[in-house]
Amino acid sequence: MSDQDAGAVLHVGSDRKKATLKAWYGSLTEEQREAIESVFMDIWPAFINATLESLPGAEEKIAFDKFHVAKYLGEAVDKVRRQEHKALMSEGYEDLKGSKYDWLYNPENMTRRQKLRFKTLRDSTLRLPVPGQSKSLPCHFGTTSARHGPGKAGSGGCHGQCAVVWTQSRK
């Protein structure tokens, strides 16, 4: 844990367990815990739960680091691509063959040729939608926090560096 304003390390845990972080939070006074404005962390259940259980208003203070959000999002995109590829291959289509990195590239870093190939993929026989391309499968964009339960896109209450997430709901 660190104080970003002061540039000071406040705590270095001996492990990544919930009890370790809860013990550190427990060593703070109630006033100190209430003064914490935001907690920036990776997406680790032990950290999330320790923070939710220890800090007043924690669900409004947790922000996830963009590295881990991007990692999980990339893994999810690749999982869907693999499932779709398998389904298409069973029907004799090879539309997604060799396209793994096309789905993971940042469009800003694509060459003109890569952009054309990706556009062709998006417009092909895919049954799973690309964000913003389907009216029957609504997409929602917003910030997220660690709040439990259903939430409205953009209502997460993150402070500082927050993750922008894309969710897709099937009807």
N, C-alpha and C. Protein backbone atom coordinates (compact mmCIF):
# COMPACT_ATOMS: atom_id res chain seq x y z
N MET A 1 0.84 -1.17 0.00
CA MET A 1 0.00 0.00 0.00
C MET A 1 0.89 1.23 0.00
N SER A 2 0.44 2.26 -0.69
CA SER A 2 1.24 3.48 -0.74
C SER A 2 0.34 4.70 -0.74
N ASP A 3 0.91 5.80 -0.34
CA ASP A 3 0.25 7.10 -0.39
C ASP A 3 0.76 7.77 -1.65
N GLN A 4 -0.08 7.86 -2.68
CA GLN A 4 0.35 8.40 -3.96
C GLN A 4 0.68 9.89 -3.87
N ASP A 5 -0.04 10.62 -3.02
CA ASP A 5 0.23 12.05 -2.88
C ASP A 5 1.59 12.31 -2.25
N ALA A 6 1.91 11.54 -1.20
CA ALA A 6 3.17 11.74 -0.50
C ALA A 6 4.32 10.94 -1.12
N GLY A 7 3.98 9.97 -1.98
CA GLY A 7 5.01 9.13 -2.57
C GLY A 7 5.66 8.22 -1.54
N ALA A 8 4.86 7.77 -0.55
CA ALA A 8 5.40 6.97 0.55
C ALA A 8 4.78 5.58 0.56
N VAL A 9 5.61 4.59 0.85
CA VAL A 9 5.12 3.22 1.02
C VAL A 9 4.54 3.12 2.43
N LEU A 10 3.30 2.65 2.53
CA LEU A 10 2.65 2.52 3.82
C LEU A 10 2.69 1.10 4.37
N HIS A 11 2.67 0.13 3.47
CA HIS A 11 2.62 -1.27 3.91
C HIS A 11 3.07 -2.18 2.77
N VAL A 12 3.86 -3.18 3.12
CA VAL A 12 4.23 -4.24 2.18
C VAL A 12 3.83 -5.55 2.85
N GLY A 13 2.86 -6.23 2.27
CA GLY A 13 2.38 -7.48 2.85
C GLY A 13 3.33 -8.62 2.59
N SER A 14 3.29 -9.60 3.48
CA SER A 14 4.16 -10.78 3.35
C SER A 14 3.59 -11.79 2.35
N ASP A 15 2.31 -11.64 2.01
CA ASP A 15 1.67 -12.54 1.06
C ASP A 15 0.47 -11.83 0.43
N ARG A 16 -0.31 -12.56 -0.35
CA ARG A 16 -1.47 -11.96 -1.04
C ARG A 16 -2.78 -12.48 -0.45
N LYS A 17 -2.79 -12.70 0.86
CA LYS A 17 -3.97 -13.24 1.52
C LYS A 17 -4.86 -12.14 2.07
N LYS A 18 -6.14 -12.44 2.11
CA LYS A 18 -7.13 -11.51 2.65
C LYS A 18 -6.80 -11.13 4.09
N ALA A 19 -6.45 -12.11 4.91
CA ALA A 19 -6.18 -11.85 6.33
C ALA A 19 -5.02 -10.87 6.52
N THR A 20 -4.03 -10.93 5.66
CA THR A 20 -2.87 -10.04 5.77
C THR A 20 -3.28 -8.59 5.53
N LEU A 21 -4.06 -8.35 4.47
CA LEU A 21 -4.50 -7.00 4.18
C LEU A 21 -5.50 -6.51 5.23
N LYS A 22 -6.39 -7.41 5.68
CA LYS A 22 -7.34 -7.02 6.72
C LYS A 22 -6.62 -6.64 8.01
N ALA A 23 -5.54 -7.35 8.33
CA ALA A 23 -4.77 -7.02 9.54
C ALA A 23 -4.16 -5.63 9.41
N TRP A 24 -3.68 -5.30 8.21
CA TRP A 24 -3.11 -3.96 8.04
C TRP A 24 -4.20 -2.90 8.17
N TYR A 25 -5.34 -3.12 7.50
CA TYR A 25 -6.44 -2.17 7.66
C TYR A 25 -6.83 -2.04 9.12
N GLY A 26 -6.82 -3.16 9.85
CA GLY A 26 -7.17 -3.16 11.28
C GLY A 26 -6.19 -2.37 12.14
N SER A 27 -4.97 -2.22 11.65
CA SER A 27 -3.97 -1.46 12.41
C SER A 27 -4.18 0.06 12.29
N LEU A 28 -5.04 0.46 11.37
CA LEU A 28 -5.34 1.88 11.17
C LEU A 28 -6.48 2.30 12.10
N THR A 29 -6.49 3.55 12.46
CA THR A 29 -7.62 4.06 13.23
C THR A 29 -8.82 4.20 12.31
N GLU A 30 -10.00 4.31 12.91
CA GLU A 30 -11.21 4.51 12.11
C GLU A 30 -11.08 5.79 11.28
N GLU A 31 -10.52 6.81 11.84
CA GLU A 31 -10.32 8.08 11.13
C GLU A 31 -9.41 7.89 9.92
N GLN A 32 -8.34 7.12 10.08
CA GLN A 32 -7.42 6.87 8.97
C GLN A 32 -8.12 6.07 7.86
N ARG A 33 -8.90 5.05 8.26
CA ARG A 33 -9.61 4.26 7.25
C ARG A 33 -10.63 5.12 6.50
N GLU A 34 -11.32 5.99 7.20
CA GLU A 34 -12.30 6.86 6.55
C GLU A 34 -11.64 7.88 5.62
N ALA A 35 -10.39 8.24 5.90
CA ALA A 35 -9.68 9.23 5.09
C ALA A 35 -9.16 8.65 3.77
N ILE A 36 -9.17 7.33 3.62
CA ILE A 36 -8.71 6.72 2.37
C ILE A 36 -9.70 7.06 1.27
N GLU A 37 -9.21 7.73 0.23
CA GLU A 37 -10.07 8.19 -0.86
C GLU A 37 -10.27 7.15 -1.95
N SER A 38 -9.22 6.39 -2.25
CA SER A 38 -9.35 5.36 -3.28
C SER A 38 -8.30 4.29 -3.06
N VAL A 39 -8.63 3.10 -3.53
CA VAL A 39 -7.71 1.97 -3.44
C VAL A 39 -7.59 1.40 -4.85
N PHE A 40 -6.40 1.47 -5.39
CA PHE A 40 -6.10 1.02 -6.74
C PHE A 40 -5.45 -0.35 -6.63
N MET A 41 -6.01 -1.38 -7.25
CA MET A 41 -5.51 -2.74 -7.05
C MET A 41 -5.68 -3.58 -8.30
N ASP A 42 -4.99 -4.75 -8.27
CA ASP A 42 -5.26 -5.70 -9.34
C ASP A 42 -6.55 -6.44 -8.95
N ILE A 43 -7.05 -7.23 -9.86
CA ILE A 43 -8.34 -7.90 -9.66
C ILE A 43 -8.09 -9.20 -8.91
N TRP A 44 -7.86 -9.08 -7.62
CA TRP A 44 -7.55 -10.23 -6.78
C TRP A 44 -8.63 -10.31 -5.71
N PRO A 45 -9.41 -11.40 -5.68
CA PRO A 45 -10.53 -11.50 -4.74
C PRO A 45 -10.14 -11.23 -3.27
N ALA A 46 -8.98 -11.69 -2.86
CA ALA A 46 -8.58 -11.46 -1.47
C ALA A 46 -8.45 -9.97 -1.17
N PHE A 47 -7.87 -9.21 -2.09
CA PHE A 47 -7.71 -7.76 -1.90
C PHE A 47 -9.08 -7.06 -1.94
N ILE A 48 -9.89 -7.46 -2.89
CA ILE A 48 -11.22 -6.85 -3.03
C ILE A 48 -12.03 -7.09 -1.76
N ASN A 49 -12.10 -8.34 -1.31
CA ASN A 49 -12.90 -8.67 -0.15
C ASN A 49 -12.36 -8.03 1.13
N ALA A 50 -11.05 -8.03 1.31
CA ALA A 50 -10.47 -7.40 2.50
C ALA A 50 -10.81 -5.91 2.52
N THR A 51 -10.76 -5.28 1.38
CA THR A 51 -11.05 -3.84 1.29
C THR A 51 -12.53 -3.58 1.52
N LEU A 52 -13.40 -4.38 0.91
CA LEU A 52 -14.84 -4.22 1.09
C LEU A 52 -15.24 -4.39 2.56
N GLU A 53 -14.59 -5.32 3.23
CA GLU A 53 -14.93 -5.60 4.63
C GLU A 53 -14.29 -4.62 5.61
N SER A 54 -13.28 -3.88 5.17
CA SER A 54 -12.51 -3.07 6.11
C SER A 54 -12.67 -1.57 5.97
N LEU A 55 -13.01 -1.10 4.80
CA LEU A 55 -13.09 0.35 4.58
C LEU A 55 -14.52 0.83 4.43
N PRO A 56 -14.88 1.88 5.13
CA PRO A 56 -16.21 2.45 4.93
C PRO A 56 -16.33 2.99 3.49
N GLY A 57 -17.43 2.61 2.82
CA GLY A 57 -17.65 3.08 1.45
C GLY A 57 -16.69 2.50 0.43
N ALA A 58 -16.12 1.34 0.72
CA ALA A 58 -15.10 0.74 -0.15
C ALA A 58 -15.60 0.49 -1.57
N GLU A 59 -16.88 0.13 -1.71
CA GLU A 59 -17.38 -0.16 -3.06
C GLU A 59 -17.30 1.05 -3.97
N GLU A 60 -17.20 2.24 -3.42
CA GLU A 60 -17.05 3.47 -4.21
C GLU A 60 -15.58 3.88 -4.36
N LYS A 61 -14.68 3.18 -3.70
CA LYS A 61 -13.28 3.60 -3.66
C LYS A 61 -12.33 2.68 -4.43
N ILE A 62 -12.78 1.50 -4.79
CA ILE A 62 -11.90 0.53 -5.45
C ILE A 62 -11.83 0.82 -6.95
N ALA A 63 -10.62 0.85 -7.47
CA ALA A 63 -10.38 0.97 -8.90
C ALA A 63 -9.39 -0.12 -9.30
N PHE A 64 -9.63 -0.76 -10.42
CA PHE A 64 -8.75 -1.84 -10.87
C PHE A 64 -7.73 -1.31 -11.86
N ASP A 65 -6.53 -1.88 -11.79
CA ASP A 65 -5.48 -1.42 -12.70
C ASP A 65 -5.76 -1.90 -14.12
N LYS A 66 -5.43 -1.02 -15.07
CA LYS A 66 -5.80 -1.29 -16.46
C LYS A 66 -5.04 -2.47 -17.06
N PHE A 67 -3.86 -2.79 -16.55
CA PHE A 67 -3.12 -3.94 -17.06
C PHE A 67 -3.94 -5.21 -16.89
N HIS A 68 -4.46 -5.43 -15.67
CA HIS A 68 -5.21 -6.66 -15.42
C HIS A 68 -6.57 -6.65 -16.13
N VAL A 69 -7.21 -5.50 -16.20
CA VAL A 69 -8.47 -5.43 -16.94
C VAL A 69 -8.23 -5.79 -18.40
N ALA A 70 -7.18 -5.22 -18.99
CA ALA A 70 -6.85 -5.52 -20.39
C ALA A 70 -6.50 -7.00 -20.56
N LYS A 71 -5.79 -7.55 -19.60
CA LYS A 71 -5.40 -8.97 -19.67
C LYS A 71 -6.65 -9.86 -19.68
N TYR A 72 -7.57 -9.62 -18.73
CA TYR A 72 -8.78 -10.43 -18.65
C TYR A 72 -9.67 -10.22 -19.87
N LEU A 73 -9.76 -9.00 -20.35
CA LEU A 73 -10.56 -8.72 -21.53
C LEU A 73 -9.98 -9.43 -22.75
N GLY A 74 -8.65 -9.39 -22.90
CA GLY A 74 -7.99 -10.09 -24.01
C GLY A 74 -8.23 -11.59 -23.95
N GLU A 75 -8.17 -12.15 -22.73
CA GLU A 75 -8.42 -13.58 -22.57
C GLU A 75 -9.87 -13.93 -22.93
N ALA A 76 -10.80 -13.06 -22.55
CA ALA A 76 -12.21 -13.30 -22.86
C ALA A 76 -12.45 -13.23 -24.37
N VAL A 77 -11.86 -12.24 -25.03
CA VAL A 77 -12.00 -12.12 -26.48
C VAL A 77 -11.44 -13.37 -27.16
N ASP A 78 -10.27 -13.83 -26.70
CA ASP A 78 -9.66 -15.01 -27.31
C ASP A 78 -10.49 -16.26 -27.06
N LYS A 79 -11.09 -16.38 -25.88
CA LYS A 79 -11.93 -17.54 -25.57
C LYS A 79 -13.14 -17.57 -26.51
N VAL A 80 -13.78 -16.43 -26.71
CA VAL A 80 -14.93 -16.36 -27.62
C VAL A 80 -14.49 -16.67 -29.05
N ARG A 81 -13.34 -16.14 -29.45
CA ARG A 81 -12.83 -16.40 -30.81
C ARG A 81 -12.60 -17.90 -31.01
N ARG A 82 -11.99 -18.57 -30.01
CA ARG A 82 -11.74 -20.01 -30.12
C ARG A 82 -13.05 -20.80 -30.22
N GLN A 83 -14.05 -20.42 -29.40
CA GLN A 83 -15.35 -21.11 -29.45
C GLN A 83 -16.01 -20.92 -30.81
N GLU A 84 -15.98 -19.70 -31.29
CA GLU A 84 -16.59 -19.40 -32.58
C GLU A 84 -15.85 -20.13 -33.70
N HIS A 85 -14.52 -20.16 -33.62
CA HIS A 85 -13.71 -20.84 -34.64
C HIS A 85 -14.06 -22.33 -34.67
N LYS A 86 -14.17 -22.94 -33.50
CA LYS A 86 -14.51 -24.36 -33.43
C LYS A 86 -15.89 -24.62 -34.04
N ALA A 87 -16.87 -23.77 -33.71
CA ALA A 87 -18.22 -23.94 -34.26
C ALA A 87 -18.22 -23.76 -35.78
N LEU A 88 -17.51 -22.75 -36.27
CA LEU A 88 -17.46 -22.51 -37.71
C LEU A 88 -16.74 -23.65 -38.43
N MET A 89 -15.66 -24.15 -37.85
CA MET A 89 -14.91 -25.25 -38.47
C MET A 89 -15.79 -26.50 -38.60
N SER A 90 -16.65 -26.75 -37.59
CA SER A 90 -17.53 -27.92 -37.66
C SER A 90 -18.54 -27.80 -38.79
N GLU A 91 -18.79 -26.57 -39.27
CA GLU A 91 -19.70 -26.34 -40.38
C GLU A 91 -18.96 -26.12 -41.70
N GLY A 92 -17.63 -26.30 -41.68
CA GLY A 92 -16.84 -26.19 -42.89
C GLY A 92 -16.32 -24.79 -43.22
N TYR A 93 -16.48 -23.84 -42.30
CA TYR A 93 -15.99 -22.48 -42.52
C TYR A 93 -14.63 -22.30 -41.86
N GLU A 94 -13.75 -21.57 -42.51
CA GLU A 94 -12.42 -21.29 -41.95
C GLU A 94 -12.18 -19.79 -41.80
N ASP A 95 -13.26 -19.03 -41.59
CA ASP A 95 -13.18 -17.58 -41.52
C ASP A 95 -12.20 -17.06 -40.47
N LEU A 96 -12.09 -17.77 -39.35
CA LEU A 96 -11.26 -17.28 -38.25
C LEU A 96 -9.85 -17.89 -38.22
N LYS A 97 -9.55 -18.74 -39.17
CA LYS A 97 -8.24 -19.37 -39.20
C LYS A 97 -7.14 -18.31 -39.28
N GLY A 98 -6.20 -18.35 -38.33
CA GLY A 98 -5.08 -17.42 -38.32
C GLY A 98 -5.44 -16.00 -37.89
N SER A 99 -6.58 -15.82 -37.23
CA SER A 99 -7.03 -14.46 -36.90
C SER A 99 -6.84 -14.07 -35.43
N LYS A 100 -6.20 -14.92 -34.65
CA LYS A 100 -6.09 -14.67 -33.20
C LYS A 100 -5.63 -13.24 -32.90
N TYR A 101 -4.54 -12.82 -33.47
CA TYR A 101 -3.98 -11.52 -33.11
C TYR A 101 -4.74 -10.36 -33.74
N ASP A 102 -5.52 -10.62 -34.78
CA ASP A 102 -6.36 -9.57 -35.35
C ASP A 102 -7.35 -9.06 -34.31
N TRP A 103 -7.85 -9.96 -33.46
CA TRP A 103 -8.84 -9.60 -32.44
C TRP A 103 -8.19 -8.91 -31.24
N LEU A 104 -6.91 -9.11 -31.06
CA LEU A 104 -6.23 -8.58 -29.87
C LEU A 104 -5.46 -7.30 -30.13
N TYR A 105 -5.21 -6.99 -31.40
CA TYR A 105 -4.48 -5.77 -31.75
C TYR A 105 -5.26 -4.51 -31.40
N ASN A 106 -4.56 -3.49 -31.02
CA ASN A 106 -5.16 -2.18 -30.85
C ASN A 106 -5.36 -1.63 -32.26
N PRO A 107 -6.59 -1.27 -32.63
CA PRO A 107 -6.83 -0.76 -34.00
C PRO A 107 -5.94 0.42 -34.37
N GLU A 108 -5.53 1.21 -33.39
CA GLU A 108 -4.65 2.35 -33.67
C GLU A 108 -3.27 1.90 -34.15
N ASN A 109 -2.90 0.66 -33.83
CA ASN A 109 -1.59 0.14 -34.22
C ASN A 109 -1.65 -0.76 -35.45
N MET A 110 -2.82 -0.91 -36.04
CA MET A 110 -2.97 -1.77 -37.21
C MET A 110 -2.54 -1.04 -38.48
N THR A 111 -1.98 -1.81 -39.38
CA THR A 111 -1.69 -1.27 -40.70
C THR A 111 -3.00 -1.23 -41.48
N ARG A 112 -2.99 -0.56 -42.61
CA ARG A 112 -4.19 -0.50 -43.45
C ARG A 112 -4.63 -1.90 -43.84
N ARG A 113 -3.68 -2.75 -44.17
CA ARG A 113 -3.99 -4.13 -44.57
C ARG A 113 -4.64 -4.90 -43.42
N GLN A 114 -4.11 -4.74 -42.21
CA GLN A 114 -4.69 -5.41 -41.04
C GLN A 114 -6.10 -4.92 -40.76
N LYS A 115 -6.32 -3.61 -40.92
CA LYS A 115 -7.66 -3.06 -40.70
C LYS A 115 -8.66 -3.62 -41.70
N LEU A 116 -8.26 -3.76 -42.95
CA LEU A 116 -9.14 -4.32 -43.97
C LEU A 116 -9.47 -5.78 -43.67
N ARG A 117 -8.45 -6.54 -43.25
CA ARG A 117 -8.67 -7.96 -42.90
C ARG A 117 -9.64 -8.06 -41.73
N PHE A 118 -9.45 -7.21 -40.71
CA PHE A 118 -10.31 -7.25 -39.54
C PHE A 118 -11.74 -6.84 -39.91
N LYS A 119 -11.89 -5.85 -40.76
CA LYS A 119 -13.23 -5.44 -41.21
C LYS A 119 -13.92 -6.60 -41.92
N THR A 120 -13.17 -7.32 -42.73
CA THR A 120 -13.73 -8.48 -43.43
C THR A 120 -14.19 -9.53 -42.42
N LEU A 121 -13.38 -9.75 -41.38
CA LEU A 121 -13.76 -10.71 -40.34
C LEU A 121 -15.05 -10.27 -39.65
N ARG A 122 -15.09 -9.00 -39.27
CA ARG A 122 -16.26 -8.47 -38.55
C ARG A 122 -17.53 -8.61 -39.39
N ASP A 123 -17.41 -8.43 -40.68
CA ASP A 123 -18.56 -8.45 -41.57
C ASP A 123 -18.89 -9.85 -42.09
N SER A 124 -18.15 -10.86 -41.65
CA SER A 124 -18.31 -12.22 -42.20
C SER A 124 -19.44 -12.99 -41.53
N THR A 125 -19.29 -14.29 -41.47
CA THR A 125 -20.34 -15.19 -40.99
C THR A 125 -20.34 -15.36 -39.47
N LEU A 126 -19.70 -14.50 -38.75
CA LEU A 126 -19.65 -14.63 -37.30
C LEU A 126 -21.03 -14.56 -36.68
N ARG A 127 -21.28 -15.44 -35.73
CA ARG A 127 -22.55 -15.43 -35.03
C ARG A 127 -22.45 -14.59 -33.75
N LEU A 128 -21.26 -14.40 -33.25
CA LEU A 128 -21.09 -13.59 -32.04
C LEU A 128 -20.81 -12.17 -32.45
N PRO A 129 -21.45 -11.22 -31.81
CA PRO A 129 -21.34 -9.83 -32.23
C PRO A 129 -20.02 -9.18 -31.84
N VAL A 130 -19.70 -8.17 -32.59
CA VAL A 130 -18.58 -7.28 -32.28
C VAL A 130 -19.20 -6.08 -31.58
N PRO A 131 -18.54 -5.51 -30.55
CA PRO A 131 -19.15 -4.39 -29.84
C PRO A 131 -19.69 -3.32 -30.78
N GLY A 132 -20.95 -2.93 -30.51
CA GLY A 132 -21.57 -1.86 -31.28
C GLY A 132 -22.16 -2.29 -32.61
N GLN A 133 -22.11 -3.59 -32.93
CA GLN A 133 -22.55 -4.04 -34.24
C GLN A 133 -23.89 -4.77 -34.23
N SER A 134 -24.46 -5.02 -33.04
CA SER A 134 -25.67 -5.81 -32.98
C SER A 134 -26.76 -5.08 -32.21
N LYS A 135 -27.93 -5.02 -32.80
CA LYS A 135 -29.06 -4.40 -32.09
C LYS A 135 -29.74 -5.41 -31.18
N SER A 136 -29.62 -6.70 -31.48
CA SER A 136 -30.29 -7.71 -30.67
C SER A 136 -29.47 -8.10 -29.44
N LEU A 137 -28.20 -7.76 -29.41
CA LEU A 137 -27.36 -8.04 -28.25
C LEU A 137 -26.77 -6.73 -27.76
N PRO A 138 -27.49 -6.03 -26.88
CA PRO A 138 -27.04 -4.69 -26.47
C PRO A 138 -25.70 -4.71 -25.76
N CYS A 139 -24.90 -3.70 -26.03
CA CYS A 139 -23.60 -3.54 -25.40
C CYS A 139 -23.65 -2.33 -24.49
N HIS A 140 -23.00 -2.44 -23.34
CA HIS A 140 -22.98 -1.35 -22.38
C HIS A 140 -21.54 -1.01 -22.04
N PHE A 141 -21.22 0.25 -22.03
CA PHE A 141 -19.90 0.71 -21.68
C PHE A 141 -20.00 1.53 -20.41
N GLY A 142 -19.01 1.45 -19.55
CA GLY A 142 -19.02 2.27 -18.35
C GLY A 142 -17.83 1.96 -17.48
N THR A 143 -17.74 2.67 -16.37
CA THR A 143 -16.67 2.38 -15.43
C THR A 143 -17.17 1.36 -14.43
N THR A 144 -16.27 0.66 -13.81
CA THR A 144 -16.67 -0.35 -12.86
C THR A 144 -15.94 -0.19 -11.54
N SER A 145 -16.60 -0.59 -10.49
CA SER A 145 -15.97 -0.65 -9.19
C SER A 145 -16.23 -2.04 -8.66
N ALA A 146 -15.96 -2.27 -7.40
CA ALA A 146 -16.14 -3.60 -6.83
C ALA A 146 -17.53 -3.79 -6.24
N ARG A 147 -18.46 -2.91 -6.55
CA ARG A 147 -19.82 -3.02 -6.00
C ARG A 147 -20.42 -4.36 -6.41
N HIS A 148 -21.04 -5.03 -5.45
CA HIS A 148 -21.67 -6.32 -5.72
C HIS A 148 -23.04 -6.13 -6.35
N GLY A 149 -23.48 -7.11 -7.09
CA GLY A 149 -24.82 -7.10 -7.65
C GLY A 149 -24.90 -6.37 -8.96
N PRO A 150 -26.10 -6.36 -9.56
CA PRO A 150 -26.25 -5.71 -10.86
C PRO A 150 -26.06 -4.21 -10.75
N GLY A 151 -25.47 -3.66 -11.73
CA GLY A 151 -25.23 -2.23 -11.73
C GLY A 151 -25.56 -1.63 -13.07
N LYS A 152 -25.69 -0.36 -13.09
CA LYS A 152 -25.98 0.36 -14.31
C LYS A 152 -24.65 0.79 -14.93
N ALA A 153 -24.48 0.62 -16.22
CA ALA A 153 -23.23 1.01 -16.87
C ALA A 153 -22.91 2.46 -16.55
N GLY A 154 -21.69 2.71 -16.15
CA GLY A 154 -21.25 4.06 -15.85
C GLY A 154 -21.53 4.50 -14.44
N SER A 155 -22.07 3.61 -13.60
CA SER A 155 -22.44 4.02 -12.25
C SER A 155 -21.52 3.47 -11.19
N GLY A 156 -20.36 2.95 -11.56
CA GLY A 156 -19.48 2.30 -10.61
C GLY A 156 -18.91 3.20 -9.55
N GLY A 157 -18.75 4.47 -9.81
CA GLY A 157 -18.25 5.38 -8.79
C GLY A 157 -16.76 5.34 -8.61
N CYS A 158 -16.00 4.85 -9.58
CA CYS A 158 -14.55 4.81 -9.45
C CYS A 158 -13.98 6.21 -9.37
N HIS A 159 -12.90 6.33 -8.66
CA HIS A 159 -12.17 7.59 -8.57
C HIS A 159 -10.78 7.36 -9.15
N GLY A 160 -10.17 8.36 -9.69
CA GLY A 160 -8.82 8.22 -10.24
C GLY A 160 -8.84 7.38 -11.50
N GLN A 161 -7.90 6.47 -11.62
CA GLN A 161 -7.79 5.63 -12.82
C GLN A 161 -8.76 4.48 -12.71
N CYS A 162 -9.78 4.48 -13.51
CA CYS A 162 -10.78 3.43 -13.49
C CYS A 162 -10.75 2.65 -14.79
N ALA A 163 -11.28 1.48 -14.73
CA ALA A 163 -11.33 0.63 -15.90
C ALA A 163 -12.61 0.88 -16.66
N VAL A 164 -12.52 0.97 -17.96
CA VAL A 164 -13.71 1.04 -18.79
C VAL A 164 -13.95 -0.38 -19.28
N VAL A 165 -15.15 -0.88 -19.06
CA VAL A 165 -15.45 -2.25 -19.42
C VAL A 165 -16.57 -2.31 -20.43
N TRP A 166 -16.62 -3.39 -21.17
CA TRP A 166 -17.67 -3.64 -22.14
C TRP A 166 -18.38 -4.90 -21.68
N THR A 167 -19.68 -4.85 -21.55
CA THR A 167 -20.45 -6.04 -21.23
C THR A 167 -21.48 -6.23 -22.31
N GLN A 168 -21.81 -7.47 -22.51
CA GLN A 168 -22.76 -7.81 -23.58
C GLN A 168 -23.79 -8.73 -22.95
N SER A 169 -25.04 -8.43 -23.13
CA SER A 169 -26.09 -9.29 -22.57
C SER A 169 -26.86 -9.94 -23.70
N ARG A 170 -27.09 -11.23 -23.57
CA ARG A 170 -27.86 -11.98 -24.58
C ARG A 170 -29.31 -11.98 -24.19
N LYS A 171 -30.18 -11.88 -25.18
CA LYS A 171 -31.64 -11.97 -24.92
C LYS A 171 -32.18 -13.20 -25.56
